[in-house]
Amino acid sequence: MDYIQNKLHGINDLMEALDTNLDNGISVSTLDARNKCFDTNEKEPPQRTPFYELLYQALDDIMLKILMVCAIVSMSVDYYMHKPGGVGWYVEGVAIWSAVAVVSLVTAVSDYQKEGEFLKKQMIEENAKIVTCIRDGKIDTLHRNNLKVGDIVKVINGMNIPVDGVVLKGNGIKSDESAMTGESDHFDKEDMAKCL
């Protein structure tokens, strides 16, 4: 705020520095330049965990590790103790390996399906995060990932504010900052002119 007060001398200088206007917002023709100067506001979508990683995580269970060691010991001892011509030395070991394979595959498939459902719900929730802003003098509704530096955003009651910003107009604004601070108290927000 000191920088705005000392270097920019208030709201008008801030608006001029960001090439925006309180009534008209930013110009659509400046979007590419804003991307080059400030980068985009887009987040990478969450990536699905590959199936082989889920399978590896399932095999990392302590009980399955014990069963795998038991299978190796069982097969080794039975092979050493078997009579020539006998073929039953590997049955117990194969049964244990089969149980390990079934348990780990069922766990991995279940986790893969649950993660897929979670990502679908998260995508639906993410797509619903829209904001109202002013561009070229028109009220525009867009996804919050498409906001640019200098956009004039209309904040409505209950809205999750998607940016760091300055309140240009408004009174009686309270903000719940518990996601950042952990405190559930509502903090008063004053417009920039009053703060200066």
N, C-alpha and C. Protein backbone atom coordinates (compact mmCIF):
# COMPACT_ATOMS: atom_id res chain seq x y z
N MET A 1 0.83 -1.18 0.00
CA MET A 1 0.00 0.00 0.00
C MET A 1 0.88 1.25 0.00
N ASP A 2 2.04 1.18 0.69
CA ASP A 2 2.94 2.34 0.68
C ASP A 2 3.41 2.65 -0.73
N TYR A 3 3.70 1.59 -1.51
CA TYR A 3 4.15 1.80 -2.89
C TYR A 3 3.07 2.52 -3.69
N ILE A 4 1.83 2.10 -3.52
CA ILE A 4 0.72 2.72 -4.25
C ILE A 4 0.59 4.18 -3.83
N GLN A 5 0.72 4.44 -2.52
CA GLN A 5 0.54 5.80 -2.03
C GLN A 5 1.71 6.70 -2.44
N ASN A 6 2.94 6.21 -2.31
CA ASN A 6 4.10 7.05 -2.56
C ASN A 6 4.49 7.14 -4.03
N LYS A 7 4.38 6.06 -4.77
CA LYS A 7 4.83 6.05 -6.17
C LYS A 7 3.69 6.31 -7.15
N LEU A 8 2.51 5.75 -6.86
CA LEU A 8 1.41 5.86 -7.81
C LEU A 8 0.40 6.93 -7.44
N HIS A 9 0.46 7.44 -6.23
CA HIS A 9 -0.42 8.52 -5.78
C HIS A 9 -1.90 8.20 -5.92
N GLY A 10 -2.30 6.98 -5.61
CA GLY A 10 -3.72 6.67 -5.53
C GLY A 10 -4.27 5.78 -6.62
N ILE A 11 -5.60 5.70 -6.63
CA ILE A 11 -6.32 4.79 -7.52
C ILE A 11 -6.08 5.09 -8.99
N ASN A 12 -6.15 6.36 -9.36
CA ASN A 12 -6.02 6.71 -10.78
C ASN A 12 -4.68 6.31 -11.35
N ASP A 13 -3.60 6.52 -10.60
CA ASP A 13 -2.28 6.12 -11.07
C ASP A 13 -2.16 4.59 -11.15
N LEU A 14 -2.78 3.88 -10.19
CA LEU A 14 -2.78 2.42 -10.24
C LEU A 14 -3.51 1.93 -11.48
N MET A 15 -4.66 2.52 -11.76
CA MET A 15 -5.44 2.12 -12.94
C MET A 15 -4.65 2.41 -14.22
N GLU A 16 -3.98 3.53 -14.24
CA GLU A 16 -3.19 3.89 -15.43
C GLU A 16 -2.00 2.93 -15.58
N ALA A 17 -1.35 2.59 -14.48
CA ALA A 17 -0.20 1.67 -14.53
C ALA A 17 -0.61 0.29 -15.02
N LEU A 18 -1.83 -0.14 -14.68
CA LEU A 18 -2.32 -1.46 -15.10
C LEU A 18 -3.09 -1.40 -16.41
N ASP A 19 -3.20 -0.21 -17.01
CA ASP A 19 -3.92 -0.01 -18.27
C ASP A 19 -5.35 -0.55 -18.17
N THR A 20 -6.04 -0.07 -17.14
CA THR A 20 -7.42 -0.49 -16.93
C THR A 20 -8.26 0.72 -16.57
N ASN A 21 -9.56 0.52 -16.50
CA ASN A 21 -10.49 1.61 -16.22
C ASN A 21 -11.60 1.05 -15.34
N LEU A 22 -12.02 1.83 -14.36
CA LEU A 22 -13.03 1.37 -13.43
C LEU A 22 -14.35 1.04 -14.12
N ASP A 23 -14.72 1.81 -15.13
CA ASP A 23 -15.99 1.60 -15.83
C ASP A 23 -15.87 0.62 -16.99
N ASN A 24 -14.73 0.62 -17.68
CA ASN A 24 -14.57 -0.20 -18.88
C ASN A 24 -13.72 -1.44 -18.67
N GLY A 25 -12.99 -1.53 -17.58
CA GLY A 25 -12.12 -2.68 -17.35
C GLY A 25 -10.95 -2.67 -18.30
N ILE A 26 -10.42 -3.84 -18.58
CA ILE A 26 -9.30 -3.93 -19.52
C ILE A 26 -9.83 -4.13 -20.94
N SER A 27 -8.99 -3.87 -21.90
CA SER A 27 -9.35 -4.08 -23.29
C SER A 27 -8.97 -5.50 -23.70
N VAL A 28 -9.85 -6.13 -24.43
CA VAL A 28 -9.58 -7.51 -24.89
C VAL A 28 -8.34 -7.56 -25.77
N SER A 29 -8.05 -6.46 -26.45
CA SER A 29 -6.88 -6.43 -27.35
C SER A 29 -5.57 -6.49 -26.57
N THR A 30 -5.59 -6.28 -25.24
CA THR A 30 -4.36 -6.31 -24.45
C THR A 30 -4.12 -7.66 -23.77
N LEU A 31 -4.97 -8.64 -24.01
CA LEU A 31 -4.85 -9.92 -23.30
C LEU A 31 -3.52 -10.62 -23.58
N ASP A 32 -3.09 -10.65 -24.85
CA ASP A 32 -1.83 -11.31 -25.19
C ASP A 32 -0.65 -10.60 -24.53
N ALA A 33 -0.68 -9.27 -24.54
CA ALA A 33 0.41 -8.51 -23.91
C ALA A 33 0.44 -8.77 -22.40
N ARG A 34 -0.74 -8.89 -21.79
CA ARG A 34 -0.79 -9.17 -20.35
C ARG A 34 -0.25 -10.57 -20.06
N ASN A 35 -0.54 -11.53 -20.93
CA ASN A 35 0.01 -12.89 -20.76
C ASN A 35 1.53 -12.87 -20.83
N LYS A 36 2.08 -12.10 -21.77
CA LYS A 36 3.54 -12.03 -21.92
C LYS A 36 4.18 -11.35 -20.72
N CYS A 37 3.54 -10.30 -20.24
CA CYS A 37 4.12 -9.52 -19.14
C CYS A 37 3.93 -10.20 -17.78
N PHE A 38 2.73 -10.71 -17.51
CA PHE A 38 2.40 -11.22 -16.17
C PHE A 38 2.18 -12.73 -16.12
N ASP A 39 2.20 -13.40 -17.27
CA ASP A 39 1.91 -14.83 -17.37
C ASP A 39 0.40 -15.04 -17.18
N THR A 40 -0.04 -16.28 -17.21
CA THR A 40 -1.47 -16.57 -17.10
C THR A 40 -1.82 -16.95 -15.67
N ASN A 41 -3.09 -17.03 -15.42
CA ASN A 41 -3.61 -17.38 -14.09
C ASN A 41 -4.05 -18.85 -14.06
N GLU A 42 -3.73 -19.59 -15.10
CA GLU A 42 -4.21 -20.97 -15.22
C GLU A 42 -3.40 -21.92 -14.35
N LYS A 43 -4.12 -22.89 -13.78
CA LYS A 43 -3.48 -23.96 -13.01
C LYS A 43 -3.46 -25.22 -13.87
N GLU A 44 -2.43 -26.00 -13.68
CA GLU A 44 -2.37 -27.29 -14.36
C GLU A 44 -3.44 -28.20 -13.78
N PRO A 45 -4.19 -28.89 -14.62
CA PRO A 45 -5.19 -29.82 -14.06
C PRO A 45 -4.48 -30.97 -13.35
N PRO A 46 -5.09 -31.51 -12.31
CA PRO A 46 -4.44 -32.61 -11.60
C PRO A 46 -4.27 -33.82 -12.50
N GLN A 47 -3.13 -34.46 -12.37
CA GLN A 47 -2.82 -35.63 -13.20
C GLN A 47 -3.23 -36.91 -12.47
N ARG A 48 -3.76 -37.83 -13.23
CA ARG A 48 -4.15 -39.12 -12.66
C ARG A 48 -2.91 -39.96 -12.40
N THR A 49 -2.89 -40.63 -11.25
CA THR A 49 -1.77 -41.50 -10.91
C THR A 49 -1.80 -42.72 -11.82
N PRO A 50 -0.66 -43.03 -12.47
CA PRO A 50 -0.64 -44.21 -13.34
C PRO A 50 -0.94 -45.49 -12.55
N PHE A 51 -1.53 -46.47 -13.26
CA PHE A 51 -1.95 -47.71 -12.60
C PHE A 51 -0.76 -48.45 -11.99
N TYR A 52 0.39 -48.43 -12.68
CA TYR A 52 1.53 -49.17 -12.15
C TYR A 52 2.02 -48.60 -10.82
N GLU A 53 1.87 -47.26 -10.62
CA GLU A 53 2.25 -46.68 -9.33
C GLU A 53 1.29 -47.12 -8.23
N LEU A 54 0.01 -47.20 -8.55
CA LEU A 54 -0.97 -47.67 -7.57
C LEU A 54 -0.70 -49.13 -7.21
N LEU A 55 -0.33 -49.92 -8.22
CA LEU A 55 -0.01 -51.33 -7.98
C LEU A 55 1.23 -51.44 -7.09
N TYR A 56 2.23 -50.62 -7.37
CA TYR A 56 3.45 -50.62 -6.54
C TYR A 56 3.13 -50.22 -5.11
N GLN A 57 2.26 -49.22 -4.93
CA GLN A 57 1.86 -48.78 -3.59
C GLN A 57 1.10 -49.90 -2.86
N ALA A 58 0.28 -50.64 -3.60
CA ALA A 58 -0.45 -51.76 -2.98
C ALA A 58 0.52 -52.85 -2.53
N LEU A 59 1.55 -53.10 -3.32
CA LEU A 59 2.54 -54.12 -2.96
C LEU A 59 3.44 -53.67 -1.81
N ASP A 60 3.40 -52.39 -1.47
CA ASP A 60 4.23 -51.86 -0.39
C ASP A 60 3.65 -52.16 0.99
N ASP A 61 2.53 -52.86 1.05
CA ASP A 61 1.89 -53.22 2.32
C ASP A 61 2.76 -54.24 3.06
N ILE A 62 2.89 -54.07 4.37
CA ILE A 62 3.76 -54.94 5.17
C ILE A 62 3.32 -56.40 5.15
N MET A 63 1.99 -56.63 5.18
CA MET A 63 1.50 -58.02 5.16
C MET A 63 1.82 -58.70 3.82
N LEU A 64 1.68 -57.95 2.72
CA LEU A 64 2.01 -58.54 1.42
C LEU A 64 3.51 -58.82 1.31
N LYS A 65 4.33 -57.96 1.90
CA LYS A 65 5.78 -58.21 1.89
C LYS A 65 6.10 -59.49 2.67
N ILE A 66 5.43 -59.66 3.80
CA ILE A 66 5.64 -60.89 4.60
C ILE A 66 5.21 -62.11 3.80
N LEU A 67 4.05 -62.02 3.12
CA LEU A 67 3.59 -63.14 2.29
C LEU A 67 4.55 -63.45 1.15
N MET A 68 5.14 -62.42 0.54
CA MET A 68 6.09 -62.66 -0.55
C MET A 68 7.35 -63.36 -0.04
N VAL A 69 7.82 -62.94 1.12
CA VAL A 69 8.99 -63.61 1.72
C VAL A 69 8.64 -65.05 2.05
N CYS A 70 7.43 -65.27 2.61
CA CYS A 70 6.99 -66.63 2.92
C CYS A 70 6.91 -67.50 1.66
N ALA A 71 6.44 -66.93 0.56
CA ALA A 71 6.34 -67.69 -0.69
C ALA A 71 7.72 -68.10 -1.18
N ILE A 72 8.69 -67.18 -1.11
CA ILE A 72 10.05 -67.50 -1.55
C ILE A 72 10.67 -68.57 -0.66
N VAL A 73 10.49 -68.42 0.67
CA VAL A 73 11.04 -69.41 1.61
C VAL A 73 10.37 -70.77 1.38
N SER A 74 9.05 -70.77 1.23
CA SER A 74 8.31 -72.02 1.02
C SER A 74 8.78 -72.73 -0.25
N MET A 75 8.91 -71.99 -1.35
CA MET A 75 9.33 -72.61 -2.61
C MET A 75 10.77 -73.12 -2.51
N SER A 76 11.64 -72.35 -1.83
CA SER A 76 13.04 -72.75 -1.70
C SER A 76 13.17 -74.03 -0.86
N VAL A 77 12.48 -74.03 0.30
CA VAL A 77 12.56 -75.20 1.18
C VAL A 77 11.93 -76.42 0.50
N ASP A 78 10.77 -76.24 -0.11
CA ASP A 78 10.11 -77.37 -0.77
C ASP A 78 10.94 -77.89 -1.94
N TYR A 79 11.62 -77.03 -2.67
CA TYR A 79 12.47 -77.47 -3.79
C TYR A 79 13.66 -78.26 -3.25
N TYR A 80 14.24 -77.78 -2.16
CA TYR A 80 15.39 -78.46 -1.58
C TYR A 80 14.99 -79.81 -1.01
N MET A 81 13.76 -79.93 -0.43
CA MET A 81 13.32 -81.14 0.24
C MET A 81 12.57 -82.11 -0.67
N HIS A 82 12.25 -81.71 -1.90
CA HIS A 82 11.41 -82.59 -2.72
C HIS A 82 12.21 -83.81 -3.20
N LYS A 83 11.46 -84.86 -3.49
CA LYS A 83 12.07 -86.10 -3.97
C LYS A 83 12.21 -85.98 -5.49
N PRO A 84 13.24 -86.57 -6.04
CA PRO A 84 13.41 -86.51 -7.50
C PRO A 84 12.16 -87.06 -8.20
N GLY A 85 11.74 -86.35 -9.23
CA GLY A 85 10.56 -86.75 -9.99
C GLY A 85 9.28 -86.17 -9.43
N GLY A 86 9.31 -85.61 -8.21
CA GLY A 86 8.11 -85.01 -7.61
C GLY A 86 7.90 -83.59 -8.17
N VAL A 87 6.64 -83.23 -8.31
CA VAL A 87 6.34 -81.92 -8.88
C VAL A 87 5.54 -81.04 -7.92
N GLY A 88 5.23 -81.49 -6.75
CA GLY A 88 4.38 -80.75 -5.83
C GLY A 88 5.11 -79.72 -5.00
N TRP A 89 6.41 -79.54 -5.23
CA TRP A 89 7.20 -78.62 -4.40
C TRP A 89 6.82 -77.15 -4.56
N TYR A 90 6.20 -76.79 -5.65
CA TYR A 90 5.94 -75.38 -5.93
C TYR A 90 4.48 -74.97 -5.64
N VAL A 91 3.61 -75.91 -5.26
CA VAL A 91 2.18 -75.62 -5.12
C VAL A 91 1.91 -74.56 -4.04
N GLU A 92 2.46 -74.72 -2.86
CA GLU A 92 2.20 -73.76 -1.79
C GLU A 92 2.72 -72.36 -2.15
N GLY A 93 3.92 -72.29 -2.71
CA GLY A 93 4.50 -71.01 -3.10
C GLY A 93 3.67 -70.31 -4.16
N VAL A 94 3.20 -71.07 -5.15
CA VAL A 94 2.37 -70.48 -6.22
C VAL A 94 1.04 -70.00 -5.64
N ALA A 95 0.48 -70.73 -4.69
CA ALA A 95 -0.77 -70.31 -4.06
C ALA A 95 -0.58 -68.99 -3.31
N ILE A 96 0.53 -68.87 -2.61
CA ILE A 96 0.80 -67.61 -1.88
C ILE A 96 0.99 -66.46 -2.87
N TRP A 97 1.78 -66.70 -3.95
CA TRP A 97 1.99 -65.66 -4.97
C TRP A 97 0.67 -65.26 -5.62
N SER A 98 -0.19 -66.21 -5.83
CA SER A 98 -1.51 -65.92 -6.42
C SER A 98 -2.33 -65.03 -5.49
N ALA A 99 -2.29 -65.33 -4.21
CA ALA A 99 -3.03 -64.51 -3.24
C ALA A 99 -2.49 -63.08 -3.21
N VAL A 100 -1.16 -62.95 -3.24
CA VAL A 100 -0.54 -61.62 -3.27
C VAL A 100 -0.97 -60.86 -4.53
N ALA A 101 -0.96 -61.55 -5.69
CA ALA A 101 -1.35 -60.90 -6.95
C ALA A 101 -2.80 -60.44 -6.91
N VAL A 102 -3.70 -61.30 -6.41
CA VAL A 102 -5.12 -60.95 -6.36
C VAL A 102 -5.35 -59.75 -5.44
N VAL A 103 -4.77 -59.80 -4.24
CA VAL A 103 -4.97 -58.71 -3.28
C VAL A 103 -4.43 -57.39 -3.82
N SER A 104 -3.21 -57.41 -4.36
CA SER A 104 -2.61 -56.17 -4.85
C SER A 104 -3.35 -55.63 -6.07
N LEU A 105 -3.79 -56.50 -6.98
CA LEU A 105 -4.53 -56.03 -8.16
C LEU A 105 -5.90 -55.47 -7.78
N VAL A 106 -6.60 -56.13 -6.87
CA VAL A 106 -7.91 -55.62 -6.45
C VAL A 106 -7.75 -54.26 -5.77
N THR A 107 -6.74 -54.12 -4.92
CA THR A 107 -6.50 -52.85 -4.24
C THR A 107 -6.16 -51.75 -5.25
N ALA A 108 -5.28 -52.05 -6.21
CA ALA A 108 -4.87 -51.06 -7.21
C ALA A 108 -6.05 -50.65 -8.10
N VAL A 109 -6.86 -51.62 -8.55
CA VAL A 109 -8.02 -51.30 -9.38
C VAL A 109 -9.02 -50.45 -8.61
N SER A 110 -9.25 -50.80 -7.36
CA SER A 110 -10.17 -50.03 -6.52
C SER A 110 -9.68 -48.59 -6.34
N ASP A 111 -8.39 -48.42 -6.04
CA ASP A 111 -7.82 -47.08 -5.88
C ASP A 111 -7.88 -46.30 -7.19
N TYR A 112 -7.65 -46.96 -8.31
CA TYR A 112 -7.68 -46.30 -9.62
C TYR A 112 -9.09 -45.78 -9.92
N GLN A 113 -10.10 -46.60 -9.63
CA GLN A 113 -11.48 -46.17 -9.86
C GLN A 113 -11.89 -45.04 -8.92
N LYS A 114 -11.49 -45.12 -7.65
CA LYS A 114 -11.81 -44.06 -6.69
C LYS A 114 -11.16 -42.75 -7.10
N GLU A 115 -9.91 -42.82 -7.54
CA GLU A 115 -9.21 -41.61 -7.97
C GLU A 115 -9.89 -41.00 -9.20
N GLY A 116 -10.35 -41.86 -10.11
CA GLY A 116 -11.06 -41.36 -11.29
C GLY A 116 -12.33 -40.63 -10.91
N GLU A 117 -13.11 -41.18 -9.98
CA GLU A 117 -14.34 -40.52 -9.52
C GLU A 117 -14.02 -39.20 -8.82
N PHE A 118 -12.98 -39.21 -8.01
CA PHE A 118 -12.58 -37.98 -7.31
C PHE A 118 -12.19 -36.90 -8.31
N LEU A 119 -11.42 -37.26 -9.33
CA LEU A 119 -11.00 -36.28 -10.33
C LEU A 119 -12.18 -35.75 -11.14
N LYS A 120 -13.19 -36.60 -11.41
CA LYS A 120 -14.40 -36.13 -12.11
C LYS A 120 -15.13 -35.09 -11.26
N LYS A 121 -15.31 -35.39 -9.97
CA LYS A 121 -15.99 -34.44 -9.09
C LYS A 121 -15.20 -33.15 -8.95
N GLN A 122 -13.88 -33.28 -8.86
CA GLN A 122 -13.03 -32.10 -8.74
C GLN A 122 -13.12 -31.25 -10.02
N MET A 123 -13.19 -31.88 -11.18
CA MET A 123 -13.30 -31.15 -12.45
C MET A 123 -14.63 -30.42 -12.53
N ILE A 124 -15.72 -31.06 -12.09
CA ILE A 124 -17.04 -30.41 -12.09
C ILE A 124 -17.00 -29.20 -11.16
N GLU A 125 -16.40 -29.36 -9.99
CA GLU A 125 -16.30 -28.26 -9.03
C GLU A 125 -15.43 -27.14 -9.59
N GLU A 126 -14.34 -27.48 -10.25
CA GLU A 126 -13.44 -26.48 -10.82
C GLU A 126 -14.11 -25.70 -11.94
N ASN A 127 -14.89 -26.38 -12.78
CA ASN A 127 -15.56 -25.72 -13.89
C ASN A 127 -16.64 -24.75 -13.42
N ALA A 128 -17.13 -24.93 -12.19
CA ALA A 128 -18.17 -24.05 -11.65
C ALA A 128 -17.60 -22.76 -11.08
N LYS A 129 -16.29 -22.62 -11.02
CA LYS A 129 -15.67 -21.44 -10.43
C LYS A 129 -15.57 -20.33 -11.47
N ILE A 130 -16.66 -19.60 -11.60
CA ILE A 130 -16.70 -18.50 -12.57
C ILE A 130 -16.78 -17.17 -11.83
N VAL A 131 -16.34 -16.13 -12.50
CA VAL A 131 -16.38 -14.78 -11.93
C VAL A 131 -16.97 -13.82 -12.94
N THR A 132 -17.42 -12.70 -12.43
CA THR A 132 -17.95 -11.64 -13.29
C THR A 132 -16.95 -10.50 -13.28
N CYS A 133 -16.53 -10.07 -14.47
CA CYS A 133 -15.59 -8.96 -14.57
C CYS A 133 -16.02 -8.04 -15.71
N ILE A 134 -15.34 -6.92 -15.81
CA ILE A 134 -15.65 -5.94 -16.84
C ILE A 134 -14.50 -5.92 -17.85
N ARG A 135 -14.85 -6.11 -19.12
CA ARG A 135 -13.88 -6.02 -20.20
C ARG A 135 -14.51 -5.25 -21.36
N ASP A 136 -13.78 -4.30 -21.86
CA ASP A 136 -14.28 -3.47 -22.96
C ASP A 136 -15.64 -2.84 -22.64
N GLY A 137 -15.86 -2.51 -21.38
CA GLY A 137 -17.10 -1.87 -20.97
C GLY A 137 -18.29 -2.80 -20.85
N LYS A 138 -18.07 -4.10 -21.07
CA LYS A 138 -19.17 -5.07 -20.98
C LYS A 138 -18.92 -6.00 -19.79
N ILE A 139 -20.01 -6.39 -19.15
CA ILE A 139 -19.90 -7.36 -18.06
C ILE A 139 -19.70 -8.74 -18.69
N ASP A 140 -18.65 -9.42 -18.28
CA ASP A 140 -18.26 -10.70 -18.87
C ASP A 140 -18.17 -11.75 -17.77
N THR A 141 -18.71 -12.92 -18.01
CA THR A 141 -18.61 -14.03 -17.08
C THR A 141 -17.62 -15.03 -17.64
N LEU A 142 -16.61 -15.36 -16.85
CA LEU A 142 -15.58 -16.29 -17.33
C LEU A 142 -15.02 -17.09 -16.18
N HIS A 143 -14.29 -18.15 -16.53
CA HIS A 143 -13.66 -18.99 -15.52
C HIS A 143 -12.53 -18.20 -14.86
N ARG A 144 -12.33 -18.42 -13.59
CA ARG A 144 -11.33 -17.64 -12.87
C ARG A 144 -9.91 -17.86 -13.38
N ASN A 145 -9.65 -18.96 -14.06
CA ASN A 145 -8.32 -19.18 -14.65
C ASN A 145 -8.03 -18.20 -15.77
N ASN A 146 -9.08 -17.59 -16.34
CA ASN A 146 -8.90 -16.67 -17.46
C ASN A 146 -8.78 -15.21 -17.03
N LEU A 147 -8.74 -14.95 -15.73
CA LEU A 147 -8.55 -13.58 -15.25
C LEU A 147 -7.15 -13.11 -15.60
N LYS A 148 -7.03 -11.82 -15.84
CA LYS A 148 -5.75 -11.20 -16.16
C LYS A 148 -5.47 -10.08 -15.16
N VAL A 149 -4.21 -9.70 -15.05
CA VAL A 149 -3.84 -8.58 -14.20
C VAL A 149 -4.52 -7.33 -14.75
N GLY A 150 -5.22 -6.61 -13.89
CA GLY A 150 -5.93 -5.41 -14.29
C GLY A 150 -7.42 -5.61 -14.46
N ASP A 151 -7.89 -6.86 -14.42
CA ASP A 151 -9.33 -7.11 -14.53
C ASP A 151 -10.05 -6.49 -13.33
N ILE A 152 -11.21 -5.92 -13.58
CA ILE A 152 -12.08 -5.39 -12.54
C ILE A 152 -13.10 -6.49 -12.26
N VAL A 153 -13.02 -7.10 -11.07
CA VAL A 153 -13.86 -8.24 -10.71
C VAL A 153 -14.96 -7.77 -9.77
N LYS A 154 -16.19 -8.19 -10.06
CA LYS A 154 -17.31 -7.89 -9.18
C LYS A 154 -17.38 -9.00 -8.12
N VAL A 155 -17.20 -8.60 -6.87
CA VAL A 155 -17.23 -9.56 -5.76
C VAL A 155 -18.65 -9.61 -5.22
N ILE A 156 -19.19 -10.83 -5.13
CA ILE A 156 -20.55 -11.01 -4.61
C ILE A 156 -20.49 -11.81 -3.31
N ASN A 157 -21.56 -11.73 -2.55
CA ASN A 157 -21.65 -12.38 -1.25
C ASN A 157 -21.42 -13.89 -1.38
N GLY A 158 -20.54 -14.43 -0.55
CA GLY A 158 -20.27 -15.86 -0.53
C GLY A 158 -19.25 -16.32 -1.55
N MET A 159 -18.72 -15.40 -2.32
CA MET A 159 -17.78 -15.74 -3.39
C MET A 159 -16.41 -16.08 -2.83
N ASN A 160 -15.77 -17.08 -3.43
CA ASN A 160 -14.39 -17.41 -3.14
C ASN A 160 -13.54 -16.51 -4.02
N ILE A 161 -12.89 -15.52 -3.43
CA ILE A 161 -12.15 -14.52 -4.21
C ILE A 161 -10.91 -15.18 -4.80
N PRO A 162 -10.79 -15.18 -6.14
CA PRO A 162 -9.75 -15.95 -6.79
C PRO A 162 -8.42 -15.24 -6.96
N VAL A 163 -8.26 -14.01 -6.46
CA VAL A 163 -7.06 -13.23 -6.73
C VAL A 163 -6.65 -12.41 -5.51
N ASP A 164 -5.40 -11.95 -5.53
CA ASP A 164 -5.00 -10.87 -4.63
C ASP A 164 -5.41 -9.60 -5.33
N GLY A 165 -5.96 -8.67 -4.60
CA GLY A 165 -6.41 -7.48 -5.29
C GLY A 165 -6.62 -6.32 -4.35
N VAL A 166 -7.16 -5.27 -4.92
CA VAL A 166 -7.44 -4.04 -4.22
C VAL A 166 -8.93 -3.77 -4.36
N VAL A 167 -9.59 -3.42 -3.25
CA VAL A 167 -11.01 -3.05 -3.29
C VAL A 167 -11.09 -1.63 -3.82
N LEU A 168 -11.75 -1.46 -4.97
CA LEU A 168 -11.86 -0.14 -5.58
C LEU A 168 -13.11 0.61 -5.12
N LYS A 169 -14.22 -0.11 -5.01
CA LYS A 169 -15.48 0.47 -4.53
C LYS A 169 -16.15 -0.55 -3.63
N GLY A 170 -16.86 -0.06 -2.63
CA GLY A 170 -17.62 -0.96 -1.78
C GLY A 170 -17.48 -0.57 -0.33
N ASN A 171 -18.45 -1.01 0.47
CA ASN A 171 -18.37 -0.77 1.90
C ASN A 171 -19.01 -1.94 2.63
N GLY A 172 -18.60 -2.13 3.87
CA GLY A 172 -19.13 -3.22 4.66
C GLY A 172 -18.68 -4.59 4.18
N ILE A 173 -17.55 -4.66 3.51
CA ILE A 173 -17.05 -5.93 2.99
C ILE A 173 -16.30 -6.65 4.10
N LYS A 174 -16.64 -7.92 4.29
CA LYS A 174 -15.95 -8.76 5.27
C LYS A 174 -15.42 -9.98 4.53
N SER A 175 -14.24 -10.41 4.92
CA SER A 175 -13.59 -11.53 4.24
C SER A 175 -13.20 -12.59 5.25
N ASP A 176 -13.53 -13.85 4.92
CA ASP A 176 -13.13 -14.99 5.74
C ASP A 176 -11.80 -15.50 5.18
N GLU A 177 -10.74 -15.33 5.94
CA GLU A 177 -9.41 -15.71 5.48
C GLU A 177 -8.91 -16.99 6.15
N SER A 178 -9.84 -17.83 6.59
CA SER A 178 -9.46 -19.04 7.32
C SER A 178 -8.64 -20.00 6.46
N ALA A 179 -8.84 -19.98 5.15
CA ALA A 179 -8.06 -20.87 4.29
C ALA A 179 -6.58 -20.51 4.32
N MET A 180 -6.27 -19.21 4.53
CA MET A 180 -4.88 -18.77 4.56
C MET A 180 -4.31 -18.74 5.98
N THR A 181 -5.11 -18.26 6.93
CA THR A 181 -4.59 -18.03 8.28
C THR A 181 -5.01 -19.08 9.29
N GLY A 182 -6.08 -19.80 9.00
CA GLY A 182 -6.59 -20.77 9.95
C GLY A 182 -7.55 -20.16 10.96
N GLU A 183 -7.69 -18.84 10.93
CA GLU A 183 -8.59 -18.15 11.85
C GLU A 183 -9.92 -17.92 11.15
N SER A 184 -11.01 -18.22 11.82
CA SER A 184 -12.34 -18.12 11.19
C SER A 184 -12.96 -16.74 11.36
N ASP A 185 -12.24 -15.78 11.95
CA ASP A 185 -12.77 -14.42 12.10
C ASP A 185 -12.91 -13.76 10.74
N HIS A 186 -13.94 -12.95 10.60
CA HIS A 186 -14.14 -12.19 9.37
C HIS A 186 -13.42 -10.85 9.49
N PHE A 187 -12.65 -10.51 8.48
CA PHE A 187 -11.87 -9.28 8.49
C PHE A 187 -12.53 -8.23 7.61
N ASP A 188 -12.59 -6.99 8.12
CA ASP A 188 -13.17 -5.89 7.36
C ASP A 188 -12.21 -5.50 6.24
N LYS A 189 -12.77 -5.22 5.07
CA LYS A 189 -12.01 -4.75 3.92
C LYS A 189 -12.57 -3.40 3.51
N GLU A 190 -11.71 -2.41 3.44
CA GLU A 190 -12.12 -1.07 3.04
C GLU A 190 -11.64 -0.80 1.62
N ASP A 191 -12.32 0.16 0.95
CA ASP A 191 -11.88 0.48 -0.40
C ASP A 191 -10.55 1.24 -0.34
N MET A 192 -9.87 1.27 -1.49
CA MET A 192 -8.52 1.80 -1.56
C MET A 192 -8.44 3.27 -1.17
N ALA A 193 -9.42 4.06 -1.60
CA ALA A 193 -9.41 5.49 -1.29
C ALA A 193 -9.44 5.71 0.22
N LYS A 194 -10.24 4.95 0.93
CA LYS A 194 -10.35 5.11 2.38
C LYS A 194 -9.05 4.66 3.06
N CYS A 195 -8.45 3.59 2.54
CA CYS A 195 -7.20 3.10 3.13
C CYS A 195 -6.07 4.11 2.94
N LEU A 196 -6.04 4.77 1.79
CA LEU A 196 -4.99 5.77 1.56
C LEU A 196 -5.22 6.99 2.41
